[in-house]
Amino acid sequence: MNLKSFPRLEINLKKLQANAAVEVELFAKHHIAVMGVNKVFNGLYEPAEAIVKGGIASVAESRIENLKA
């Protein structure tokens, strides 16, 4: 089986963090707090950590199993 034939998602954590910082800054001008959702990352810790480092204080998760992990 050739694993290169399957779709995959590559996450650039530095860009994700920078994008989160831009969102937080833009919305803060309008007194809006940003909440991140870790759904598409299937509970991975690293993307959630990147958006928190970018200034997003609250991260939602769609599955309790992922929160436990």
Protein backbone atom coordinates (compact mmCIF):
# COMPACT_ATOMS: atom_id res chain seq x y z
CA MET A 1 0.00 0.00 0.00
CA ASN A 2 1.42 3.38 -1.02
CA LEU A 3 0.76 5.84 1.80
CA LYS A 4 1.71 8.79 -0.40
CA SER A 5 -1.53 8.28 -2.36
CA PHE A 6 -3.71 9.14 0.66
CA PRO A 7 -4.71 12.73 1.42
CA ARG A 8 -2.93 14.23 4.40
CA LEU A 9 -3.00 17.47 6.30
CA GLU A 10 0.26 19.26 6.98
CA ILE A 11 0.06 21.84 9.74
CA ASN A 12 2.51 24.73 9.86
CA LEU A 13 2.36 25.57 13.55
CA LYS A 14 4.26 28.84 13.16
CA LYS A 15 1.78 30.09 10.56
CA LEU A 16 -1.15 28.88 12.66
CA GLN A 17 0.18 30.81 15.64
CA ALA A 18 0.77 33.94 13.53
CA ASN A 19 -2.74 33.73 12.05
CA ALA A 20 -4.24 33.39 15.53
CA ALA A 21 -2.35 36.48 16.65
CA VAL A 22 -3.67 38.47 13.69
CA GLU A 23 -7.25 37.35 14.40
CA VAL A 24 -6.98 38.24 18.08
CA GLU A 25 -5.61 41.69 17.24
CA LEU A 26 -8.21 42.45 14.56
CA PHE A 27 -11.18 41.36 16.65
CA ALA A 28 -9.90 43.05 19.81
CA LYS A 29 -10.33 46.39 18.02
CA HIS A 30 -14.06 45.63 18.03
CA HIS A 31 -14.09 44.25 21.60
CA ILE A 32 -14.62 40.69 20.37
CA ALA A 33 -12.85 37.74 22.01
CA VAL A 34 -11.76 34.87 19.78
CA MET A 35 -12.33 31.23 20.71
CA GLY A 36 -10.47 28.48 18.89
CA VAL A 37 -12.00 25.15 17.93
CA ASN A 38 -9.70 22.14 17.77
CA LYS A 39 -12.15 20.00 15.77
CA VAL A 40 -10.32 19.60 12.48
CA PHE A 41 -7.10 18.58 14.26
CA ASN A 42 -8.65 15.50 15.87
CA GLY A 43 -7.58 16.52 19.36
CA LEU A 44 -3.91 17.11 18.61
CA TYR A 45 -2.24 19.12 21.35
CA GLU A 46 0.23 21.02 19.15
CA PRO A 47 -2.29 23.02 17.06
CA ALA A 48 -4.22 23.98 20.20
CA GLU A 49 -0.98 25.09 21.85
CA ALA A 50 -0.08 27.17 18.76
CA ILE A 51 -3.32 29.13 18.79
CA VAL A 52 -3.03 29.70 22.54
CA LYS A 53 0.49 31.04 21.99
CA GLY A 54 -1.07 33.29 19.33
CA GLY A 55 -3.31 34.85 21.97
CA ILE A 56 -6.49 32.80 21.83
CA ALA A 57 -7.39 32.12 25.46
CA SER A 58 -10.23 29.61 24.99
CA VAL A 59 -10.10 26.44 22.91
CA ALA A 60 -13.16 24.28 22.31
CA GLU A 61 -13.06 20.58 21.54
CA SER A 62 -15.87 18.60 19.94
CA ARG A 63 -15.07 15.25 21.57
CA ILE A 64 -14.76 14.44 25.26
CA GLU A 65 -12.25 11.67 24.47
CA ASN A 66 -9.89 14.29 23.07
CA LEU A 67 -10.21 16.44 26.19
CA LYS A 68 -9.36 13.46 28.39
CA ALA A 69 -6.23 12.77 26.33
